[in-house]
C-alpha atoms as a PDB file:
ATOM      1  CA  MET A   1      26.057 -52.792 101.141  1.00  0.00           C
ATOM      2  CA  SER A   2      22.912 -52.368 100.052  1.00  0.00           C
ATOM      3  CA  ARG A   3      22.378 -49.508 101.638  1.00  0.00           C
ATOM      4  CA  HIS A   4      25.472 -47.770 100.286  1.00  0.00           C
ATOM      5  CA  SER A   5      24.863 -48.347  96.806  1.00  0.00           C
ATOM      6  CA  SER A   6      21.138 -46.926  96.779  1.00  0.00           C
ATOM      7  CA  PRO A   7      22.738 -43.025  96.329  1.00  0.00           C
ATOM      8  CA  ASN A   8      25.344 -44.899  93.589  1.00  0.00           C
ATOM      9  CA  SER A   9      22.010 -45.764  91.803  1.00  0.00           C
ATOM     10  CA  GLY A  10      20.274 -43.005  92.285  1.00  0.00           C
ATOM     11  CA  SER A  11      22.518 -39.997  90.734  1.00  0.00           C
ATOM     12  CA  SER A  12      23.694 -42.144  88.000  1.00  0.00           C
ATOM     13  CA  SER A  13      20.122 -41.616  86.257  1.00  0.00           C
ATOM     14  CA  ALA A  14      20.221 -37.624  85.898  1.00  0.00           C
ATOM     15  CA  PRO A  15      21.405 -36.059  83.270  1.00  0.00           C
ATOM     16  CA  PRO A  16      24.363 -34.099  83.121  1.00  0.00           C
ATOM     17  CA  PRO A  17      24.423 -30.341  83.531  1.00  0.00           C
ATOM     18  CA  GLY A  18      25.545 -29.987  79.710  1.00  0.00           C
ATOM     19  CA  ILE A  19      23.104 -31.641  77.714  1.00  0.00           C
ATOM     20  CA  ALA A  20      20.141 -29.805  80.124  1.00  0.00           C
ATOM     21  CA  ARG A  21      21.867 -26.860  78.883  1.00  0.00           C
ATOM     22  CA  SER A  22      21.132 -27.280  75.486  1.00  0.00           C
ATOM     23  CA  VAL A  23      18.324 -28.304  75.628  1.00  0.00           C
ATOM     24  CA  GLY A  24      16.786 -25.240  77.480  1.00  0.00           C
ATOM     25  CA  VAL A  25      18.970 -23.460  74.587  1.00  0.00           C
ATOM     26  CA  ALA A  26      16.894 -25.135  71.884  1.00  0.00           C
ATOM     27  CA  LEU A  27      13.842 -24.801  73.984  1.00  0.00           C
ATOM     28  CA  LEU A  28      14.782 -21.357  73.890  1.00  0.00           C
ATOM     29  CA  VAL A  29      15.324 -20.666  70.634  1.00  0.00           C
ATOM     30  CA  PHE A  30      11.905 -22.621  69.275  1.00  0.00           C
ATOM     31  CA  ALA A  31      10.131 -20.188  71.460  1.00  0.00           C
ATOM     32  CA  VAL A  32      11.658 -17.618  69.343  1.00  0.00           C
ATOM     33  CA  ILE A  33      11.238 -18.712  66.734  1.00  0.00           C
ATOM     34  CA  VAL A  34       7.715 -19.276  67.415  1.00  0.00           C
ATOM     35  CA  LEU A  35       7.057 -15.752  68.634  1.00  0.00           C
ATOM     36  CA  ALA A  36       8.566 -14.065  65.820  1.00  0.00           C
ATOM     37  CA  THR A  37       6.638 -15.808  63.317  1.00  0.00           C
ATOM     38  CA  SER A  38       3.215 -15.015  64.214  1.00  0.00           C
ATOM     39  CA  GLY A  39       3.938 -11.410  65.655  1.00  0.00           C
ATOM     40  CA  THR A  40       5.260 -10.619  62.079  1.00  0.00           C
ATOM     41  CA  TYR A  41       3.269 -10.602  58.536  1.00  0.00           C
ATOM     42  CA  VAL A  42       4.192 -10.027  55.125  1.00  0.00           C
ATOM     43  CA  VAL A  43       2.212  -8.300  52.421  1.00  0.00           C
ATOM     44  CA  GLN A  44       2.779  -9.441  49.080  1.00  0.00           C
ATOM     45  CA  PRO A  45       3.119  -6.934  45.773  1.00  0.00           C
ATOM     46  CA  GLY A  46      -0.300  -6.614  44.139  1.00  0.00           C
ATOM     47  CA  PHE A  47      -1.969  -7.538  47.528  1.00  0.00           C
ATOM     48  CA  ARG A  48      -3.163  -5.445  51.282  1.00  0.00           C
ATOM     49  CA  GLY A  49      -3.260  -6.627  54.670  1.00  0.00           C
ATOM     50  CA  ILE A  50      -6.853  -6.839  56.650  1.00  0.00           C
ATOM     51  CA  ALA A  51      -5.999  -7.187  60.277  1.00  0.00           C
ATOM     52  CA  VAL A  52      -8.312  -9.217  62.620  1.00  0.00           C
ATOM     53  CA  THR A  53      -7.955  -9.482  66.197  1.00  0.00           C
ATOM     54  CA  LEU A  54     -10.113 -11.710  68.186  1.00  0.00           C
ATOM     55  CA  GLY A  55     -12.649 -12.123  65.455  1.00  0.00           C
ATOM     56  CA  ARG A  56     -12.547  -7.739  65.200  1.00  0.00           C
ATOM     57  CA  VAL A  57     -11.505  -6.306  61.975  1.00  0.00           C
ATOM     58  CA  SER A  58      -9.086  -3.583  62.221  1.00  0.00           C
ATOM     59  CA  THR A  59     -10.704   0.020  59.704  1.00  0.00           C
ATOM     60  CA  GLN A  60      -7.748   0.388  58.157  1.00  0.00           C
ATOM     61  CA  PHE A  61      -5.830  -1.574  55.518  1.00  0.00           C
ATOM     62  CA  LYS A  62      -2.306  -2.929  55.732  1.00  0.00           C
ATOM     63  CA  PRO A  63       0.349  -1.936  52.931  1.00  0.00           C
ATOM     64  CA  GLU A  64       2.191  -4.408  50.867  1.00  0.00           C
ATOM     65  CA  GLY A  65       5.792  -5.672  52.688  1.00  0.00           C
ATOM     66  CA  PHE A  66       7.093  -6.276  56.080  1.00  0.00           C
ATOM     67  CA  GLY A  67       5.579  -5.806  59.117  1.00  0.00           C
ATOM     68  CA  PHE A  68       4.657  -6.761  63.218  1.00  0.00           C
ATOM     69  CA  LYS A  69       1.646  -7.580  64.597  1.00  0.00           C
ATOM     70  CA  GLN A  70       0.315  -9.060  67.732  1.00  0.00           C
ATOM     71  CA  PRO A  71       1.218 -12.452  68.256  1.00  0.00           C
ATOM     72  CA  PHE A  72      -1.429 -14.994  68.447  1.00  0.00           C
ATOM     73  CA  VAL A  73      -4.658 -13.092  68.462  1.00  0.00           C
ATOM     74  CA  THR A  74      -4.124 -11.223  65.199  1.00  0.00           C
ATOM     75  CA  HIS A  75      -4.594 -12.691  61.613  1.00  0.00           C
ATOM     76  CA  ILE A  76      -3.540 -10.769  57.997  1.00  0.00           C
ATOM     77  CA  GLN A  77      -5.762 -11.887  55.595  1.00  0.00           C
ATOM     78  CA  GLN A  78      -4.251 -10.718  51.796  1.00  0.00           C
ATOM     79  CA  MET A  79      -6.550  -9.666  49.369  1.00  0.00           C
ATOM     80  CA  SER A  80      -5.835  -8.812  45.660  1.00  0.00           C
ATOM     81  CA  VAL A  81      -5.983  -4.898  44.171  1.00  0.00           C
ATOM     82  CA  ARG A  82      -4.470  -6.383  40.390  1.00  0.00           C
ATOM     83  CA  GLN A  83      -6.684  -5.853  37.625  1.00  0.00           C
ATOM     84  CA  GLN A  84      -7.846  -9.315  36.619  1.00  0.00           C
ATOM     85  CA  THR A  85      -9.807 -10.950  33.992  1.00  0.00           C
ATOM     86  CA  ARG A  86     -12.931 -13.423  34.717  1.00  0.00           C
ATOM     87  CA  PRO A  87     -14.800 -15.004  31.736  1.00  0.00           C
ATOM     88  CA  MET A  88     -17.920 -15.997  32.421  1.00  0.00           C
ATOM     89  CA  PRO A  89     -21.561 -16.755  30.008  1.00  0.00           C
ATOM     90  CA  ALA A  90     -24.184 -15.347  29.213  1.00  0.00           C
ATOM     91  CA  GLU A  91     -27.688 -15.789  28.034  1.00  0.00           C
ATOM     92  CA  CYS A  92     -30.103 -13.429  27.263  1.00  0.00           C
ATOM     93  CA  TYR A  93     -33.680 -13.002  25.015  1.00  0.00           C
ATOM     94  CA  SER A  94     -33.837  -9.649  21.853  1.00  0.00           C
ATOM     95  CA  SER A  95     -36.898  -7.654  21.443  1.00  0.00           C
ATOM     96  CA  ASP A  96     -37.546 -10.142  19.091  1.00  0.00           C
ATOM     97  CA  LEU A  97     -37.924 -12.571  21.721  1.00  0.00           C
ATOM     98  CA  GLN A  98     -34.489 -14.482  20.231  1.00  0.00           C
ATOM     99  CA  GLN A  99     -32.170 -16.595  22.167  1.00  0.00           C
ATOM    100  CA  VAL A 100     -28.426 -14.777  21.962  1.00  0.00           C
ATOM    101  CA  LYS A 101     -25.883 -16.667  23.705  1.00  0.00           C
ATOM    102  CA  MET A 102     -22.341 -15.158  24.689  1.00  0.00           C
ATOM    103  CA  GLU A 103     -19.303 -15.643  25.998  1.00  0.00           C
ATOM    104  CA  VAL A 104     -18.257 -12.227  28.396  1.00  0.00           C
ATOM    105  CA  HIS A 105     -14.933 -11.223  29.721  1.00  0.00           C
ATOM    106  CA  VAL A 106     -14.657  -8.522  32.737  1.00  0.00           C
ATOM    107  CA  LEU A 107     -11.546  -6.752  33.525  1.00  0.00           C
ATOM    108  CA  TYR A 108     -12.038  -5.029  36.978  1.00  0.00           C
ATOM    109  CA  ARG A 109     -10.171  -4.466  39.984  1.00  0.00           C
ATOM    110  CA  VAL A 110     -10.919  -4.125  43.407  1.00  0.00           C
ATOM    111  CA  PRO A 111      -9.591  -0.723  44.814  1.00  0.00           C
ATOM    112  CA  GLU A 112      -7.530  -0.336  48.201  1.00  0.00           C
ATOM    113  CA  ARG A 113     -10.408   1.797  48.922  1.00  0.00           C
ATOM    114  CA  SER A 114     -12.869  -0.889  49.450  1.00  0.00           C
ATOM    115  CA  VAL A 115     -10.965  -3.831  50.186  1.00  0.00           C
ATOM    116  CA  VAL A 116     -12.043  -3.374  53.598  1.00  0.00           C
ATOM    117  CA  LYS A 117     -15.273  -3.042  53.871  1.00  0.00           C
ATOM    118  CA  ILE A 118     -15.363  -5.977  50.489  1.00  0.00           C
ATOM    119  CA  PHE A 119     -13.804  -8.399  53.576  1.00  0.00           C
ATOM    120  CA  GLN A 120     -16.249  -7.221  56.389  1.00  0.00           C
ATOM    121  CA  GLU A 121     -19.408  -6.974  54.703  1.00  0.00           C
ATOM    122  CA  TYR A 122     -19.189  -9.524  51.732  1.00  0.00           C
ATOM    123  CA  ALA A 123     -18.097 -13.225  51.893  1.00  0.00           C
ATOM    124  CA  GLY A 124     -16.611 -14.628  49.613  1.00  0.00           C
ATOM    125  CA  GLU A 125     -14.693 -13.518  46.336  1.00  0.00           C
ATOM    126  CA  PRO A 126     -15.955 -10.353  45.110  1.00  0.00           C
ATOM    127  CA  PHE A 127     -15.877 -11.406  41.240  1.00  0.00           C
ATOM    128  CA  ASP A 128     -18.695 -14.017  41.706  1.00  0.00           C
ATOM    129  CA  ASN A 129     -20.767 -12.315  44.099  1.00  0.00           C
ATOM    130  CA  LEU A 130     -21.131  -8.752  43.858  1.00  0.00           C
ATOM    131  CA  ILE A 131     -19.658  -8.168  39.793  1.00  0.00           C
ATOM    132  CA  ALA A 132     -20.870 -11.438  37.907  1.00  0.00           C
ATOM    133  CA  PRO A 133     -24.264 -10.971  38.485  1.00  0.00           C
ATOM    134  CA  ARG A 134     -25.106  -7.445  37.670  1.00  0.00           C
ATOM    135  CA  VAL A 135     -22.620  -7.711  34.265  1.00  0.00           C
ATOM    136  CA  GLN A 136     -25.674 -10.363  33.910  1.00  0.00           C
ATOM    137  CA  GLU A 137     -28.424  -8.461  34.555  1.00  0.00           C
ATOM    138  CA  ALA A 138     -26.937  -5.487  33.107  1.00  0.00           C
ATOM    139  CA  ILE A 139     -26.183  -7.374  29.220  1.00  0.00           C
ATOM    140  CA  LYS A 140     -29.809  -8.729  29.368  1.00  0.00           C
ATOM    141  CA  GLU A 141     -31.426  -5.421  30.186  1.00  0.00           C
ATOM    142  CA  VAL A 142     -29.381  -3.954  26.648  1.00  0.00           C
ATOM    143  CA  ALA A 143     -30.053  -6.855  25.078  1.00  0.00           C
ATOM    144  CA  ALA A 144     -33.848  -6.979  25.531  1.00  0.00           C
ATOM    145  CA  SER A 145     -33.987  -3.911  23.905  1.00  0.00           C
ATOM    146  CA  MET A 146     -32.090  -4.646  20.668  1.00  0.00           C
ATOM    147  CA  SER A 147     -33.147  -6.978  18.108  1.00  0.00           C
ATOM    148  CA  ALA A 148     -31.267 -10.363  17.461  1.00  0.00           C
ATOM    149  CA  GLU A 149     -29.661  -8.267  13.697  1.00  0.00           C
ATOM    150  CA  GLN A 150     -28.673  -5.414  16.048  1.00  0.00           C
ATOM    151  CA  ILE A 151     -27.173  -7.096  19.071  1.00  0.00           C
ATOM    152  CA  VAL A 152     -24.931  -8.942  15.849  1.00  0.00           C
ATOM    153  CA  LYS A 153     -24.648  -5.758  13.780  1.00  0.00           C
ATOM    154  CA  LYS A 154     -24.150  -3.368  16.542  1.00  0.00           C
ATOM    155  CA  ARG A 155     -21.398  -5.184  19.257  1.00  0.00           C
ATOM    156  CA  GLU A 156     -19.906  -2.167  19.888  1.00  0.00           C
ATOM    157  CA  ASP A 157     -23.028  -0.367  21.187  1.00  0.00           C
ATOM    158  CA  VAL A 158     -24.257  -3.803  23.734  1.00  0.00           C
ATOM    159  CA  LYS A 159     -20.295  -3.256  25.131  1.00  0.00           C
ATOM    160  CA  ILE A 160     -20.698   0.356  26.067  1.00  0.00           C
ATOM    161  CA  LYS A 161     -24.558   0.255  26.821  1.00  0.00           C
ATOM    162  CA  ALA A 162     -24.110  -2.739  29.063  1.00  0.00           C
ATOM    163  CA  LEU A 163     -21.157  -1.534  30.338  1.00  0.00           C
ATOM    164  CA  ASP A 164     -22.580   1.971  31.779  1.00  0.00           C
ATOM    165  CA  LEU A 165     -25.565  -0.228  33.174  1.00  0.00           C
ATOM    166  CA  ALA A 166     -23.042  -2.220  34.372  1.00  0.00           C
ATOM    167  CA  GLN A 167     -20.690   0.313  36.862  1.00  0.00           C
ATOM    168  CA  THR A 168     -24.078   2.046  37.743  1.00  0.00           C
ATOM    169  CA  LYS A 169     -25.782  -0.934  39.259  1.00  0.00           C
ATOM    170  CA  ILE A 170     -22.224  -1.468  40.763  1.00  0.00           C
ATOM    171  CA  GLY A 171     -20.746   1.340  41.826  1.00  0.00           C
ATOM    172  CA  THR A 172     -17.369   3.470  40.814  1.00  0.00           C
ATOM    173  CA  ASN A 173     -16.299   4.100  43.652  1.00  0.00           C
ATOM    174  CA  PHE A 174     -17.053   0.573  45.586  1.00  0.00           C
ATOM    175  CA  LEU A 175     -15.509  -1.676  42.933  1.00  0.00           C
ATOM    176  CA  GLU A 176     -13.769  -0.810  39.425  1.00  0.00           C
ATOM    177  CA  VAL A 177     -15.488  -2.653  36.472  1.00  0.00           C
ATOM    178  CA  VAL A 178     -12.604  -1.489  33.721  1.00  0.00           C
ATOM    179  CA  ASP A 179     -14.359  -3.066  30.699  1.00  0.00           C
ATOM    180  CA  VAL A 180     -16.071  -6.177  29.119  1.00  0.00           C
ATOM    181  CA  VAL A 181     -15.885  -8.321  25.710  1.00  0.00           C
ATOM    182  CA  LEU A 182     -18.169  -9.925  24.233  1.00  0.00           C
ATOM    183  CA  TYR A 183     -17.064 -13.209  22.303  1.00  0.00           C
ATOM    184  CA  ASN A 184     -18.555 -15.639  20.343  1.00  0.00           C
ATOM    185  CA  ILE A 185     -22.191 -14.510  19.872  1.00  0.00           C
ATOM    186  CA  THR A 186     -24.462 -16.871  18.501  1.00  0.00           C
ATOM    187  CA  LEU A 187     -27.550 -17.034  17.386  1.00  0.00           C
ATOM    188  CA  SER A 188     -29.900 -19.958  16.572  1.00  0.00           C
ATOM    189  CA  PRO A 189     -28.829 -21.671  12.819  1.00  0.00           C
ATOM    190  CA  GLU A 190     -32.222 -20.274  11.076  1.00  0.00           C
ATOM    191  CA  LEU A 191     -31.620 -16.788  12.279  1.00  0.00           C
ATOM    192  CA  GLU A 192     -28.147 -16.211  11.567  1.00  0.00           C
ATOM    193  CA  GLN A 193     -29.044 -17.999   7.787  1.00  0.00           C
ATOM    194  CA  ALA A 194     -31.769 -15.339   7.958  1.00  0.00           C
ATOM    195  CA  ILE A 195     -29.519 -12.390   8.879  1.00  0.00           C
ATOM    196  CA  GLU A 196     -26.931 -13.306   6.219  1.00  0.00           C
ATOM    197  CA  LEU A 197     -29.303 -13.645   3.604  1.00  0.00           C
ATOM    198  CA  LYS A 198     -30.688  -9.917   4.110  1.00  0.00           C
ATOM    199  CA  MET A 199     -27.229  -8.800   4.370  1.00  0.00           C
ATOM    200  CA  VAL A 200     -26.208 -10.230   0.945  1.00  0.00           C
ATOM    201  CA  GLN A 201     -29.537  -8.413  -0.109  1.00  0.00           C
ATOM    202  CA  GLU A 202     -28.383  -5.619   1.368  1.00  0.00           C
ATOM    203  CA  GLN A 203     -25.291  -5.304  -0.453  1.00  0.00           C
ATOM    204  CA  GLU A 204     -26.654  -6.202  -3.677  1.00  0.00           C
ATOM    205  CA  ALA A 205     -28.694  -3.206  -3.241  1.00  0.00           C
ATOM    206  CA  GLU A 206     -26.071  -1.024  -2.671  1.00  0.00           C
ATOM    207  CA  LYS A 207     -24.642  -2.026  -4.993  1.00  0.00           C
ATOM    208  CA  ALA A 208     -27.327  -1.391  -7.420  1.00  0.00           C
ATOM    209  CA  LYS A 209     -27.206   2.361  -5.683  1.00  0.00           C
ATOM    210  CA  PHE A 210     -23.972   2.919  -6.714  1.00  0.00           C
ATOM    211  CA  THR A 211     -24.242   1.735  -9.832  1.00  0.00           C
ATOM    212  CA  GLN A 212     -27.217   4.234 -10.979  1.00  0.00           C
ATOM    213  CA  LEU A 213     -25.835   6.496  -8.971  1.00  0.00           C
ATOM    214  CA  LYS A 214     -22.686   6.426 -11.386  1.00  0.00           C
ATOM    215  CA  ALA A 215     -24.454   6.335 -14.561  1.00  0.00           C
ATOM    216  CA  GLN A 216     -26.655   9.806 -13.069  1.00  0.00           C
ATOM    217  CA  ILE A 217     -23.377  10.957 -12.646  1.00  0.00           C
ATOM    218  CA  GLU A 218     -21.462  10.189 -16.031  1.00  0.00           C
ATOM    219  CA  ALA A 219     -24.804  11.852 -17.579  1.00  0.00           C
ATOM    220  CA  ASP A 220     -24.628  15.510 -15.769  1.00  0.00           C
ATOM    221  CA  THR A 221     -21.001  15.415 -16.764  1.00  0.00           C
ATOM    222  CA  ALA A 222     -22.266  14.900 -19.717  1.00  0.00           C
ATOM    223  CA  ILE A 223     -24.426  17.066 -21.013  1.00  0.00           C
ATOM    224  CA  ILE A 224     -22.478  20.254 -18.822  1.00  0.00           C
ATOM    225  CA  ARG A 225     -19.424  19.663 -20.824  1.00  0.00           C
ATOM    226  CA  ALA A 226     -21.765  20.135 -24.199  1.00  0.00           C
ATOM    227  CA  LYS A 227     -23.254  23.150 -22.610  1.00  0.00           C
ATOM    228  CA  GLY A 228     -19.732  24.122 -22.461  1.00  0.00           C
ATOM    229  CA  GLU A 229     -18.961  22.919 -25.246  1.00  0.00           C
ATOM    230  CA  ALA A 230     -21.726  25.181 -27.482  1.00  0.00           C
ATOM    231  CA  GLU A 231     -20.868  28.166 -25.057  1.00  0.00           C
ATOM    232  CA  ALA A 232     -17.385  27.572 -26.484  1.00  0.00           C
ATOM    233  CA  ILE A 233     -18.561  28.313 -30.257  1.00  0.00           C
ATOM    234  CA  GLN A 234     -21.133  30.743 -29.437  1.00  0.00           C
ATOM    235  CA  VAL A 235     -18.067  32.805 -27.800  1.00  0.00           C
ATOM    236  CA  ARG A 236     -15.934  32.360 -30.647  1.00  0.00           C
ATOM    237  CA  GLY A 237     -18.822  33.052 -33.105  1.00  0.00           C
ATOM    238  CA  GLN A 238     -19.615  36.194 -30.955  1.00  0.00           C
ATOM    239  CA  ALA A 239     -15.402  37.156 -31.466  1.00  0.00           C
ATOM    240  CA  LEU A 240     -15.662  36.868 -34.833  1.00  0.00           C
ATOM    241  CA  ARG A 241     -18.480  39.124 -35.456  1.00  0.00           C
ATOM    242  CA  ASP A 242     -17.721  41.472 -33.361  1.00  0.00           C
ATOM    243  CA  ASN A 243     -13.862  41.102 -34.143  1.00  0.00           C
ATOM    244  CA  PRO A 244     -12.462  40.555 -37.474  1.00  0.00           C
ATOM    245  CA  ASP A 245      -8.980  40.308 -37.132  1.00  0.00           C
ATOM    246  CA  PHE A 246      -9.881  37.541 -34.731  1.00  0.00           C
ATOM    247  CA  ILE A 247      -9.347  34.726 -37.611  1.00  0.00           C
ATOM    248  CA  ARG A 248      -5.549  36.242 -38.830  1.00  0.00           C
ATOM    249  CA  LEU A 249      -4.321  36.043 -35.445  1.00  0.00           C
ATOM    250  CA  GLN A 250      -5.940  31.851 -35.549  1.00  0.00           C
ATOM    251  CA  ILE A 251      -4.212  31.807 -38.651  1.00  0.00           C
ATOM    252  CA  LEU A 252      -0.733  33.111 -36.990  1.00  0.00           C
ATOM    253  CA  GLN A 253      -1.324  30.996 -34.414  1.00  0.00           C
ATOM    254  CA  ASN A 254      -1.602  27.551 -36.234  1.00  0.00           C
ATOM    255  CA  TRP A 255       1.095  28.497 -39.583  1.00  0.00           C
ATOM    256  CA  ASN A 256       4.022  26.106 -40.086  1.00  0.00           C
ATOM    257  CA  GLY A 257       6.292  28.423 -40.775  1.00  0.00           C
ATOM    258  CA  ARG A 258       6.283  28.323 -44.911  1.00  0.00           C
ATOM    259  CA  SER A 259       4.852  31.379 -47.104  1.00  0.00           C
ATOM    260  CA  PRO A 260       1.532  30.069 -48.561  1.00  0.00           C
ATOM    261  CA  LEU A 261       1.656  31.258 -52.545  1.00  0.00           C
ATOM    262  CA  VAL A 262      -1.493  32.266 -54.583  1.00  0.00           C
ATOM    263  CA  VAL A 263      -2.165  30.997 -58.155  1.00  0.00           C
ATOM    264  CA  GLY A 264      -4.857  31.140 -60.354  1.00  0.00           C
ATOM    265  CA  ALA A 265      -7.317  28.586 -61.803  1.00  0.00           C
ATOM    266  CA  ALA A 266     -10.329  28.578 -63.357  1.00  0.00           C
ATOM    267  CA  GLY A 267     -12.710  30.203 -63.724  1.00  0.00           C
ATOM    268  CA  GLY A 268     -11.006  32.800 -62.047  1.00  0.00           C
ATOM    269  CA  ALA A 269     -10.719  32.288 -58.596  1.00  0.00           C
ATOM    270  CA  ASN A 270      -7.522  31.773 -56.460  1.00  0.00           C
ATOM    271  CA  VAL A 271      -6.264  28.817 -54.439  1.00  0.00           C
ATOM    272  CA  LEU A 272      -3.450  29.030 -51.993  1.00  0.00           C
ATOM    273  CA  LEU A 273      -0.461  26.887 -51.824  1.00  0.00           C
ATOM    274  CA  SER A 274       2.218  25.919 -50.005  1.00  0.00           C
ATOM    275  CA  LEU A 275       5.977  25.740 -52.184  1.00  0.00           C
ATOM    276  CA  ASP A 276       5.960  22.446 -51.823  1.00  0.00           C
ATOM    277  CA  GLU A 277       2.385  22.191 -52.888  1.00  0.00           C
ATOM    278  CA  LEU A 278       3.687  23.962 -55.765  1.00  0.00           C
ATOM    279  CA  ASN A 279       6.584  22.331 -56.192  1.00  0.00           C
ATOM    280  CA  LYS A 280       4.465  18.591 -56.339  1.00  0.00           C
ATOM    281  CA  HIS A 281       1.794  20.027 -58.683  1.00  0.00           C
ATOM    282  CA  SER A 282       4.953  20.853 -61.144  1.00  0.00           C
ATOM    283  CA  ALA A 283       6.765  17.775 -60.900  1.00  0.00           C
ATOM    284  CA  ALA A 284       3.787  15.718 -61.910  1.00  0.00           C
ATOM    285  CA  ILE A 285       2.835  17.840 -65.009  1.00  0.00           C
ATOM    286  CA  PRO A 286       4.501  16.659 -68.525  1.00  0.00           C
ATOM    287  CA  ARG A 287       7.076  19.293 -70.307  1.00  0.00           C
ATOM    288  CA  PRO A 288       7.086  19.701 -73.839  1.00  0.00           C
ATOM    289  CA  LYS A 289       9.962  17.939 -76.036  1.00  0.00           C
ATOM    290  CA  THR A 290      11.852  20.351 -78.035  1.00  0.00           C
ATOM    291  CA  SER A 291      13.668  19.974 -81.481  1.00  0.00           C
ATOM    292  CA  PRO A 292      17.498  20.689 -81.339  1.00  0.00           C
ATOM    293  CA  SER A 293      16.734  23.854 -84.177  1.00  0.00           C
ATOM    294  CA  GLN A 294      14.520  25.288 -81.355  1.00  0.00           C
ATOM    295  CA  LEU A 295      17.877  24.655 -79.153  1.00  0.00           C
ATOM    296  CA  GLN A 296      20.239  27.041 -81.341  1.00  0.00           C
ATOM    297  CA  SER A 297      20.980  30.360 -80.375  1.00  0.00           C
ATOM    298  CA  PRO A 298      19.379  33.897 -82.181  1.00  0.00           C
ATOM    299  CA  ARG A 299      22.820  34.214 -83.776  1.00  0.00           C
ATOM    300  CA  SER A 300      23.121  30.897 -85.915  1.00  0.00           C
ATOM    301  CA  LYS A 301      19.374  32.487 -87.101  1.00  0.00           C
END
C-alpha cells in the first residue's frame, strides 16, 4: 500500500495549471511595464533634456515632450531654460574706501544652445558657479570707480555699468544675464548722516539761487517796462509835433457823446463845460425876487 501511495502524494504538490498561467502573465506584464518605463521619457515644459548613455553625453538636447530612449542604459537629465530671478548679497568698497552693502537681484536664463555644454563642462547650478561670482566681480569694479555718495545718488548708473560688465565677463552666447536690480544700498551711519546733511545744504543753495534769479528777472522786467513806457511817450510827443491833428483824434476817441459848451469867464478866458455841468451851475445860482408890479404886462402900464 505504501508503494502505491507515494505517486499520489507527489502529484498533489504540483500547482494547478491555471495558477501557473496567471503568474506567467503577471510577470510578462511587469516586464513590459519596466521596459516601457525605462525606454521612454517626458521633458517638462520650460526644460530641455540632456541624454547620457553609459557616461557619454549626446551633443543634441531633447526638446520638451514625450520621446523614446534606450532602456536601462540612457538617462535623461533635465535643465531649465526659463528666465529666473535669484537674490544675492553684495559687499564692495567705493573709491573713497567706504564699505557699501546692497542686495542684488539677478534675472538670467540658460539658452537652449548652451544646456549640453553647461551640463558637460560645469558642475552644479549655473547661477551659483557661473553667474553669481562674475556679477559680484562686476559690481566691485564699478563701485571702486565711484564714491560712496555717487553710488547712492546714481544707482541707475551703477546698475547699467555692472550689467554691461557682467555680460561681457559671462558672454551673451553662453548665458543670458537679462537684468541686475540693486536694493537696500546701505552705508555706515556716520557717512549716511554726512551725505544727508550735504544734500540739505545743496537744496538750500539751489533755493537761494532760484530766489536770486527770480529777483533779477523781475528787475529786468521792470527796466524793460520802463523803457517801453518812455519810448511810448517819446513816440506820442513826436506824433504831436509832426501832426497837430493827432490830439483831435485822441479827443474823439475819448468823447462820451455829450456836446461841450463854451462860456465866458472873468478875465476874458473861456471855460469848456458840458450841458450837465452848466445845469448844475445854473441851479446853484440864486434868482432875484420880483414884485407884483414887475409882473404886470406892459399894457396895464
